[in-house]
């Protein structure tokens, strides 16, 4: 039976009994929203976008005062004494002046300096463009993970619907099995049923009991998985608002349509294309950095040492007591051409790598679309033919039931019809689930929205 394989979703939940206080039915969109908000995987993927945004802000910050710093220096210094009695502002004229270590004071100096780019041949702007495109690439990478996650949630949501459907079928089938068993125990039916048919029914009943247990366990598993995915901490029993599983009302387009949309909208390809654009901008930035650039610089220094007298003569340097500011322009040229060329060559190799990776991804995606289309087409036929077979079987069962009620039918034929009808009813729900999932997978492989196959 395919129930357990259908319900094997990537949510691993510790099974615990639910003491329900309330029941809340949620639509798929509500389930998707709440489960996404609680997902650690999605939060992790979102951090990649935040990191890309941070790199963009860092690149923008380089436009204004990329180098701005403050330095402070502190130490103990001796005083200055003139044995010849020169005044403090003329001590520098006394050839016999000396450091007086009997009088020690605190030396303090602050220096602020900064550099502002004026013209860099567009190196900064191109680096900003590369970072901005990198954000778009990160967003497309996030969409890849989100699409896979949404597919898992889709399967989890509709697995609950499927489990409810099969639970109802099993209850109905249980009644029919009882009818068959009662028919077999009738005295007037003994001549119609041989030992072989009795053994077959006993085997069928045992297998049916196994199926009943599987359905119960599968339903409990889905409830636990829902409880985990929705982070249910208030003992609310969540159930799907959709109670019946119906095939998605959609018509398969030609395979070329899905291949075209995949080439245009698949986030993997869009992300790699953004990666190529970002790398081209980055290479242009590296080349511009090898050209001479014009910068404006300034520095301001303030020093104070009270124990040392300040010398006002402009030709005498007194670093212990000073305040000065310097402004000016400078031209900077990187002379390490070998290292710069190596960086550029490495970036070009990365660009070729991205181009090759995109071509490989394109090939893989086309094969994925073909496979998804094949599965969807097969499942479409399975749904239609299973429904046709079920309609025929119901007519057969009705005929056998009427014949048996009028005393002209055989119990063996009624049993065969009941067994076949039960088998096809279960198969119908499973094929509908498979078909709906195949359509969703086809849409994802073609870069189409997940909900396009749900709302149609």
Protein backbone atom coordinates (compact mmCIF):
# COMPACT_ATOMS: atom_id res chain seq x y z
CA UNK A 1 0.00 0.00 0.00
CA UNK A 2 1.24 3.47 -0.92
CA UNK A 3 -0.11 5.33 2.11
CA UNK A 4 3.05 5.21 4.18
CA UNK A 5 5.29 6.23 1.27
CA UNK A 6 2.97 9.15 0.50
CA UNK A 7 3.15 10.36 4.08
CA UNK A 8 6.94 10.23 4.33
CA UNK A 9 7.48 13.97 4.52
CA UNK A 10 10.65 15.67 5.71
CA UNK A 11 9.03 16.77 8.98
CA UNK A 12 10.21 14.56 11.81
CA UNK A 13 8.00 15.04 14.81
CA UNK A 14 8.04 13.39 18.17
CA UNK A 15 4.67 11.73 18.55
CA UNK A 16 2.80 12.92 21.64
CA UNK A 17 -0.88 12.65 22.56
CA UNK A 18 -2.94 15.74 21.83
CA UNK A 19 -5.23 17.07 24.55
CA UNK A 20 -7.34 19.20 22.25
CA UNK A 21 -9.03 22.30 23.54
CA UNK A 22 -10.19 23.61 20.19
CA UNK A 23 -10.28 22.60 16.54
CA UNK A 24 -9.19 25.02 13.84
CA UNK A 25 -9.52 24.31 10.14
CA UNK A 26 -6.98 26.07 7.94
CA UNK A 27 -6.71 26.47 4.20
CA UNK A 28 -3.57 25.54 2.33
CA UNK A 29 -2.51 29.19 2.04
CA UNK A 30 -2.92 29.66 5.80
CA UNK A 31 -1.04 26.45 6.46
CA UNK A 32 1.74 27.50 4.10
CA UNK A 33 2.06 30.94 5.69
CA UNK A 34 2.15 29.70 9.29
CA UNK A 35 4.51 26.79 8.59
CA UNK A 36 6.86 29.08 6.65
CA UNK A 37 6.96 31.57 9.52
CA UNK A 38 7.97 28.76 11.88
CA UNK A 39 10.51 27.12 9.61
CA UNK A 40 14.13 27.24 10.72
CA UNK A 41 15.20 26.23 7.21
CA UNK A 42 13.51 29.28 5.66
CA UNK A 43 14.97 31.58 8.30
CA UNK A 44 18.42 30.21 7.54
CA UNK A 45 17.97 30.84 3.82
CA UNK A 46 16.80 34.39 4.53
CA UNK A 47 20.06 35.15 6.30
CA UNK A 48 21.84 34.77 2.94
CA UNK A 49 19.80 37.67 1.58
CA UNK A 50 20.58 39.72 4.68
CA UNK A 51 24.30 39.04 4.20
CA UNK A 52 24.04 40.15 0.57
CA UNK A 53 22.25 43.33 1.69
CA UNK A 54 25.01 43.92 4.22
CA UNK A 55 27.67 43.61 1.50
CA UNK A 56 25.75 46.13 -0.58
CA UNK A 57 25.62 48.61 2.30
CA UNK A 58 29.35 48.10 2.87
CA UNK A 59 30.05 48.87 -0.79
CA UNK A 60 27.94 52.03 -0.55
CA UNK A 61 29.81 53.13 2.56
CA UNK A 62 33.03 53.23 0.52
CA UNK A 63 31.74 56.28 -1.36
CA UNK A 64 32.17 58.65 1.58
CA UNK A 65 35.29 58.78 3.74
CA UNK A 66 36.27 55.12 3.38
CA UNK A 67 39.32 55.93 5.50
CA UNK A 68 38.56 57.96 8.61
CA UNK A 69 40.40 57.35 11.84
CA UNK A 70 41.29 58.76 15.23
CA UNK A 71 44.56 58.06 17.02
CA UNK A 72 45.55 59.05 20.52
CA UNK A 73 48.97 58.86 22.20
CA UNK A 74 49.73 59.20 25.90
CA UNK A 75 52.98 59.07 27.88
CA UNK A 76 55.04 60.65 30.66
CA UNK A 77 57.65 63.22 29.57
CA UNK A 78 60.16 65.37 31.51
CA UNK A 79 60.01 69.12 31.73
CA UNK A 80 62.55 71.48 30.04
CA UNK A 81 64.90 73.76 32.00
CA UNK A 82 67.19 76.62 30.83
CA UNK A 83 70.22 77.02 33.17
CA UNK A 84 70.98 80.36 31.52
CA UNK A 85 67.61 81.87 32.45
CA UNK A 86 66.03 82.07 29.00
CA UNK A 87 62.28 82.70 29.12
CA UNK A 88 60.02 79.72 28.44
CA UNK A 89 59.08 80.79 24.91
CA UNK A 90 62.81 81.05 24.00
CA UNK A 91 64.26 77.98 25.67
CA UNK A 92 65.05 76.60 22.21
CA UNK A 93 67.72 79.37 21.94
CA UNK A 94 69.62 78.15 25.02
CA UNK A 95 72.30 75.67 23.90
CA UNK A 96 72.54 74.41 27.50
CA UNK A 97 68.80 73.57 27.90
CA UNK A 98 68.17 70.06 29.19
CA UNK A 99 65.36 67.65 30.17
CA UNK A 100 64.35 68.03 33.78
CA UNK A 101 63.36 64.57 35.05
CA UNK A 102 62.58 65.99 38.46
CA UNK A 103 59.44 67.41 36.93
CA UNK A 104 57.46 64.86 34.91
CA UNK A 105 54.19 65.59 33.12
CA UNK A 106 51.54 63.85 31.00
CA UNK A 107 51.83 64.05 27.23
CA UNK A 108 48.59 63.70 25.21
CA UNK A 109 48.17 63.83 21.44
CA UNK A 110 45.10 63.27 19.21
CA UNK A 111 45.22 62.88 15.45
CA UNK A 112 42.22 62.66 13.08
CA UNK A 113 42.82 61.77 9.43
CA UNK A 114 40.58 60.91 6.51
CA UNK A 115 40.62 60.24 2.79
CA UNK A 116 37.75 60.98 0.36
CA UNK A 117 37.78 59.53 -3.18
CA UNK A 118 37.21 62.18 -5.85
CA UNK A 119 37.72 60.30 -9.11
CA UNK A 120 38.40 56.55 -9.33
CA UNK A 121 37.29 55.74 -12.92
CA UNK A 122 34.03 54.29 -11.60
CA UNK A 123 35.67 51.60 -9.45
CA UNK A 124 33.42 52.29 -6.45
CA UNK A 125 30.19 52.56 -8.43
CA UNK A 126 30.94 49.32 -10.28
CA UNK A 127 31.62 47.57 -6.99
CA UNK A 128 28.25 48.84 -5.74
CA UNK A 129 26.55 47.54 -8.89
CA UNK A 130 28.18 44.13 -8.37
CA UNK A 131 26.92 44.02 -4.78
CA UNK A 132 23.42 45.15 -5.80
CA UNK A 133 23.20 42.41 -8.43
CA UNK A 134 24.53 39.98 -5.82
CA UNK A 135 21.45 40.72 -3.71
CA UNK A 136 19.23 39.71 -6.62
CA UNK A 137 21.21 36.50 -7.05
CA UNK A 138 20.77 35.71 -3.34
CA UNK A 139 17.02 36.33 -3.63
CA UNK A 140 16.78 33.87 -6.52
CA UNK A 141 18.75 31.31 -4.54
CA UNK A 142 16.25 31.78 -1.73
CA UNK A 143 13.39 31.15 -4.16
CA UNK A 144 14.94 27.78 -5.08
CA UNK A 145 14.91 26.63 -1.46
CA UNK A 146 11.46 28.10 -0.88
CA UNK A 147 10.00 26.23 -3.87
CA UNK A 148 11.34 22.91 -2.54
CA UNK A 149 10.01 23.73 0.92
CA UNK A 150 6.59 24.67 -0.45
CA UNK A 151 6.42 21.36 -2.27
CA UNK A 152 7.03 19.54 1.01
CA UNK A 153 4.29 21.57 2.68
CA UNK A 154 1.92 20.88 -0.21
CA UNK A 155 2.47 17.14 0.18
CA UNK A 156 2.05 17.39 3.94
CA UNK A 157 -1.19 19.37 3.73
CA UNK A 158 -2.85 17.15 1.15
CA UNK A 159 -1.55 14.01 2.82
CA UNK A 160 -3.88 14.95 5.69
CA UNK A 161 -6.76 15.34 3.22
CA UNK A 162 -5.88 11.99 1.66
CA UNK A 163 -5.69 10.34 5.08
CA UNK A 164 -9.16 11.66 5.97
CA UNK A 165 -10.52 10.40 2.67
CA UNK A 166 -9.07 6.94 3.16
CA UNK A 167 -10.26 6.86 6.76
CA UNK A 168 -13.82 7.37 5.51
CA UNK A 169 -13.33 4.71 2.83
CA UNK A 170 -12.02 2.25 5.37
CA UNK A 171 -15.02 2.80 7.64
CA UNK A 172 -17.36 2.21 4.72
CA UNK A 173 -15.35 -0.80 3.62
CA UNK A 174 -15.49 -2.20 7.13
CA UNK A 175 -19.28 -2.28 6.87
CA UNK A 176 -19.09 -4.02 3.51
CA UNK A 177 -16.64 -6.61 4.84
CA UNK A 178 -19.19 -7.29 7.56
CA UNK A 179 -21.86 -7.74 4.92
CA UNK A 180 -19.67 -10.22 3.08
CA UNK A 181 -18.95 -12.13 6.27
CA UNK A 182 -22.62 -12.30 7.13
CA UNK A 183 -23.40 -13.52 3.64
CA UNK A 184 -20.84 -16.28 3.95
CA UNK A 185 -22.35 -17.50 7.20
CA UNK A 186 -25.82 -17.97 5.77
CA UNK A 187 -26.80 -21.60 5.55
CA UNK A 188 -28.25 -21.23 2.07
CA UNK A 189 -24.94 -19.89 0.73
CA UNK A 190 -22.81 -22.83 1.72
CA UNK A 191 -23.41 -24.60 -1.54
CA UNK A 192 -22.31 -21.52 -3.47
CA UNK A 193 -18.95 -21.01 -1.73
CA UNK A 194 -16.21 -23.59 -1.85
CA UNK A 195 -13.28 -23.87 0.53
CA UNK A 196 -10.98 -22.01 -1.84
CA UNK A 197 -13.22 -18.94 -1.78
CA UNK A 198 -13.46 -19.10 2.01
CA UNK A 199 -9.68 -19.14 2.32
CA UNK A 200 -9.40 -16.23 -0.11
CA UNK A 201 -11.84 -14.18 1.96
CA UNK A 202 -9.97 -14.94 5.19
CA UNK A 203 -6.74 -13.76 3.56
CA UNK A 204 -8.49 -10.66 2.24
CA UNK A 205 -9.89 -9.88 5.69
CA UNK A 206 -6.45 -10.19 7.30
CA UNK A 207 -4.93 -7.90 4.68
CA UNK A 208 -7.78 -5.45 5.22
CA UNK A 209 -7.07 -5.36 8.95
CA UNK A 210 -3.45 -4.50 8.13
CA UNK A 211 -4.65 -1.67 5.90
CA UNK A 212 -6.91 -0.37 8.66
CA UNK A 213 -3.97 -0.26 11.07
CA UNK A 214 -1.77 1.47 8.47
CA UNK A 215 -4.42 4.12 7.91
CA UNK A 216 -4.74 4.79 11.64
CA UNK A 217 -0.98 5.09 12.11
CA UNK A 218 -0.59 7.24 9.01
CA UNK A 219 -3.27 9.63 10.22
CA UNK A 220 -1.59 9.93 13.61
CA UNK A 221 1.73 10.60 11.92
CA UNK A 222 0.23 13.37 9.78
CA UNK A 223 -1.35 14.98 12.84
CA UNK A 224 1.99 14.94 14.64
CA UNK A 225 3.75 16.37 11.58
CA UNK A 226 1.18 19.14 11.37
CA UNK A 227 1.59 19.86 15.05
CA UNK A 228 5.33 20.16 14.58
CA UNK A 229 5.20 22.22 11.37
CA UNK A 230 2.75 24.72 12.89
CA UNK A 231 4.61 24.82 16.23
CA UNK A 232 1.34 24.10 18.01
CA UNK A 233 1.96 25.07 21.63
CA UNK A 234 -1.63 25.84 22.65
CA UNK A 235 -3.09 22.34 22.13
CA UNK A 236 -5.18 23.51 19.18
CA UNK A 237 -6.14 20.71 16.82
CA UNK A 238 -5.38 21.91 13.29
CA UNK A 239 -7.20 20.27 10.41
CA UNK A 240 -7.37 21.03 6.68
CA UNK A 241 -10.39 23.06 5.64
CA UNK A 242 -10.51 21.00 2.47
CA UNK A 243 -12.17 17.70 3.34
CA UNK A 244 -12.27 15.99 -0.05
CA UNK A 245 -9.50 15.27 -2.51
CA UNK A 246 -10.34 16.22 -6.08
CA UNK A 247 -8.07 16.29 -9.13
CA UNK A 248 -6.68 19.71 -10.00
CA UNK A 249 -8.69 21.31 -12.78
CA UNK A 250 -5.93 22.03 -15.22
CA UNK A 251 -5.07 21.04 -18.74
CA UNK A 252 -1.55 20.07 -19.70
CA UNK A 253 0.01 22.40 -22.23
CA UNK A 254 2.51 21.35 -24.86
CA UNK A 255 5.93 20.37 -23.49
CA UNK A 256 7.54 23.32 -25.29
CA UNK A 257 5.48 25.72 -23.15
CA UNK A 258 6.95 24.36 -19.92
CA UNK A 259 10.46 24.32 -21.36
CA UNK A 260 10.15 27.95 -22.42
CA UNK A 261 8.84 29.10 -19.05
CA UNK A 262 11.58 27.13 -17.32
CA UNK A 263 14.24 28.96 -19.38
CA UNK A 264 12.67 32.29 -18.47
CA UNK A 265 11.57 31.86 -14.88
CA UNK A 266 13.51 29.12 -13.15
CA UNK A 267 15.20 30.87 -10.16
CA UNK A 268 18.37 28.80 -10.59
CA UNK A 269 18.93 30.17 -14.09
CA UNK A 270 17.96 33.71 -13.10
CA UNK A 271 20.32 33.53 -10.14
CA UNK A 272 23.22 32.35 -12.30
CA UNK A 273 22.50 35.09 -14.83
CA UNK A 274 22.62 37.66 -12.03
CA UNK A 275 25.86 36.04 -10.89
CA UNK A 276 27.36 36.60 -14.35
CA UNK A 277 26.32 40.27 -14.31
CA UNK A 278 27.74 40.73 -10.84
CA UNK A 279 31.05 39.16 -11.82
CA UNK A 280 31.32 41.37 -14.93
CA UNK A 281 30.78 44.47 -12.79
CA UNK A 282 33.33 43.23 -10.27
CA UNK A 283 35.93 42.66 -13.02
CA UNK A 284 35.33 46.20 -14.30
CA UNK A 285 35.86 47.47 -10.75
CA UNK A 286 39.16 45.58 -10.46
CA UNK A 287 40.38 47.05 -13.74
CA UNK A 288 39.45 50.57 -12.64
CA UNK A 289 41.37 50.09 -9.39
CA UNK A 290 44.57 49.67 -11.42
CA UNK A 291 44.24 53.20 -12.83
CA UNK A 292 45.47 56.28 -10.97
CA UNK A 293 42.82 57.82 -8.76
CA UNK A 294 42.35 61.30 -7.35
CA UNK A 295 41.73 61.61 -3.59
CA UNK A 296 41.22 64.40 -1.10
CA UNK A 297 42.87 63.98 2.29
CA UNK A 298 43.05 65.81 5.59
CA UNK A 299 44.66 65.40 8.97
CA UNK A 300 44.29 67.33 12.22
CA UNK A 301 46.66 66.99 15.16
CA UNK A 302 46.29 68.33 18.68
CA UNK A 303 48.91 67.74 21.41
CA UNK A 304 49.09 69.07 24.94
CA UNK A 305 51.82 68.71 27.59
CA UNK A 306 51.38 71.35 30.29
CA UNK A 307 54.81 70.75 31.79
CA UNK A 308 56.52 71.62 28.51
CA UNK A 309 56.50 75.28 27.32
CA UNK A 310 55.19 75.91 23.82
CA UNK A 311 57.69 77.43 21.40
CA UNK A 312 55.90 79.90 19.06
CA UNK A 313 58.67 80.02 16.46
CA UNK A 314 57.32 78.52 13.18
CA UNK A 315 60.69 76.94 12.42
CA UNK A 316 60.82 75.08 15.74
CA UNK A 317 58.90 71.85 16.04
CA UNK A 318 57.21 71.36 19.38
CA UNK A 319 55.21 68.13 19.08
CA UNK A 320 54.36 68.15 22.79
CA UNK A 321 52.17 71.28 22.41
CA UNK A 322 50.69 71.79 18.97
CA UNK A 323 47.55 72.15 16.93
CA UNK A 324 47.70 71.92 13.15
CA UNK A 325 45.57 70.89 10.20
CA UNK A 326 46.67 69.77 6.76
CA UNK A 327 44.43 69.51 3.66
CA UNK A 328 45.31 68.46 0.16
CA UNK A 329 44.83 66.29 -2.90
CA UNK A 330 46.74 63.18 -3.84
CA UNK A 331 47.02 60.81 -6.78
CA UNK A 332 47.33 57.15 -5.94
CA UNK A 333 48.49 54.43 -8.31
CA UNK A 334 48.68 50.73 -7.52
CA UNK A 335 52.06 49.47 -8.75
CA UNK A 336 51.55 45.81 -7.85
CA UNK A 337 50.43 44.96 -11.37
CA UNK A 338 51.19 41.25 -11.13
CA UNK A 339 48.93 40.73 -8.15
CA UNK A 340 46.18 42.85 -9.69
CA UNK A 341 46.36 40.93 -12.96
CA UNK A 342 46.17 37.65 -11.06
CA UNK A 343 43.01 38.83 -9.30
CA UNK A 344 41.45 39.81 -12.60
CA UNK A 345 42.34 36.47 -14.20
CA UNK A 346 40.87 34.59 -11.26
CA UNK A 347 37.64 36.57 -11.60
CA UNK A 348 37.50 35.75 -15.31
CA UNK A 349 37.87 32.08 -14.49
CA UNK A 350 35.00 32.43 -12.02
CA UNK A 351 32.95 34.07 -14.78
CA UNK A 352 33.61 31.15 -17.15
CA UNK A 353 32.70 28.78 -14.33
CA UNK A 354 29.35 30.50 -13.82
CA UNK A 355 28.68 30.43 -17.58
CA UNK A 356 29.45 26.70 -17.75
CA UNK A 357 27.38 26.06 -14.65
CA UNK A 358 24.41 27.85 -16.19
CA UNK A 359 24.67 25.75 -19.35
CA UNK A 360 24.81 22.59 -17.24
CA UNK A 361 21.87 23.77 -15.14
CA UNK A 362 19.92 24.52 -18.30
CA UNK A 363 20.45 20.96 -19.54
CA UNK A 364 19.48 19.48 -16.19
CA UNK A 365 16.37 21.63 -15.94
CA UNK A 366 15.18 20.62 -19.41
CA UNK A 367 15.51 16.96 -18.43
CA UNK A 368 13.70 17.67 -15.18
CA UNK A 369 10.84 19.32 -17.08
CA UNK A 370 10.62 16.34 -19.44
CA UNK A 371 10.48 13.90 -16.53
CA UNK A 372 7.90 15.98 -14.63
CA UNK A 373 5.79 16.34 -17.77
CA UNK A 374 5.94 12.59 -18.41
CA UNK A 375 4.83 11.82 -14.83
CA UNK A 376 2.02 14.37 -14.99
CA UNK A 377 0.76 12.99 -18.31
CA UNK A 378 0.85 9.40 -17.00
CA UNK A 379 -0.89 10.35 -13.75
CA UNK A 380 -3.51 12.27 -15.73
CA UNK A 381 -4.38 9.13 -17.68
CA UNK A 382 -4.35 7.05 -14.50
CA UNK A 383 -6.89 9.36 -12.83
CA UNK A 384 -9.23 9.27 -15.82
CA UNK A 385 -8.99 5.52 -16.42
CA UNK A 386 -9.26 4.69 -12.71
CA UNK A 387 -12.40 6.80 -12.54
CA UNK A 388 -13.83 4.99 -15.57
CA UNK A 389 -13.01 1.62 -14.01
CA UNK A 390 -14.59 2.70 -10.71
CA UNK A 391 -17.82 3.77 -12.44
CA UNK A 392 -17.97 0.41 -14.21
CA UNK A 393 -17.25 -1.44 -10.97
CA UNK A 394 -20.03 0.44 -9.15
CA UNK A 395 -22.45 -0.58 -11.86
CA UNK A 396 -21.20 -4.14 -11.54
CA UNK A 397 -21.59 -4.05 -7.74
CA UNK A 398 -25.10 -2.61 -8.01
CA UNK A 399 -26.08 -5.39 -10.41
CA UNK A 400 -24.63 -8.12 -8.20
CA UNK A 401 -26.28 -6.63 -5.11
CA UNK A 402 -29.69 -6.57 -6.80
CA UNK A 403 -29.26 -10.10 -8.11
CA UNK A 404 -28.29 -11.31 -4.67
CA UNK A 405 -31.21 -9.51 -3.01
CA UNK A 406 -33.62 -11.14 -5.47
CA UNK A 407 -32.04 -14.53 -4.82
CA UNK A 408 -30.69 -15.06 -8.32
CA UNK A 409 -27.11 -13.93 -7.69
CA UNK A 410 -24.15 -15.72 -6.23
CA UNK A 411 -22.33 -14.63 -3.09
CA UNK A 412 -19.00 -15.23 -4.77
CA UNK A 413 -19.77 -12.67 -7.49
CA UNK A 414 -20.99 -10.15 -4.92
CA UNK A 415 -17.79 -10.58 -2.92
CA UNK A 416 -15.64 -10.09 -6.02
CA UNK A 417 -17.52 -6.91 -6.91
CA UNK A 418 -17.23 -5.52 -3.38
CA UNK A 419 -13.50 -6.25 -3.22
CA UNK A 420 -12.86 -4.65 -6.60
CA UNK A 421 -14.91 -1.58 -5.75
CA UNK A 422 -13.00 -1.06 -2.50
CA UNK A 423 -9.69 -1.54 -4.25
CA UNK A 424 -10.53 1.01 -6.95
CA UNK A 425 -11.90 3.58 -4.49
CA UNK A 426 -8.62 3.50 -2.59
CA UNK A 427 -6.63 3.57 -5.81
CA UNK A 428 -8.66 6.52 -7.10
CA UNK A 429 -7.73 8.72 -4.12
CA UNK A 430 -4.09 7.74 -4.34
CA UNK A 431 -3.94 8.47 -8.08
CA UNK A 432 -5.59 11.86 -7.52
CA UNK A 433 -2.97 12.70 -4.89
CA UNK A 434 -0.19 11.57 -7.23
CA UNK A 435 -1.64 13.56 -10.12
CA UNK A 436 -2.02 16.77 -8.11
CA UNK A 437 1.51 16.40 -6.79
CA UNK A 438 2.83 15.75 -10.31
CA UNK A 439 1.19 18.96 -11.55
CA UNK A 440 2.78 20.93 -8.72
CA UNK A 441 6.18 19.40 -9.48
CA UNK A 442 5.72 20.22 -13.16
CA UNK A 443 4.92 23.84 -12.32
CA UNK A 444 7.95 24.09 -10.06
CA UNK A 445 10.21 22.55 -12.71
CA UNK A 446 8.85 25.09 -15.22
CA UNK A 447 9.38 28.04 -12.89
CA UNK A 448 5.63 28.61 -12.48
CA UNK A 449 3.98 29.56 -9.16
CA UNK A 450 3.02 26.69 -6.91
CA UNK A 451 -0.51 28.00 -6.34
CA UNK A 452 -1.27 28.16 -10.06
CA UNK A 453 -2.15 24.46 -9.96
CA UNK A 454 -4.15 24.76 -6.74
CA UNK A 455 -6.37 27.71 -7.55
CA UNK A 456 -7.23 26.68 -11.12
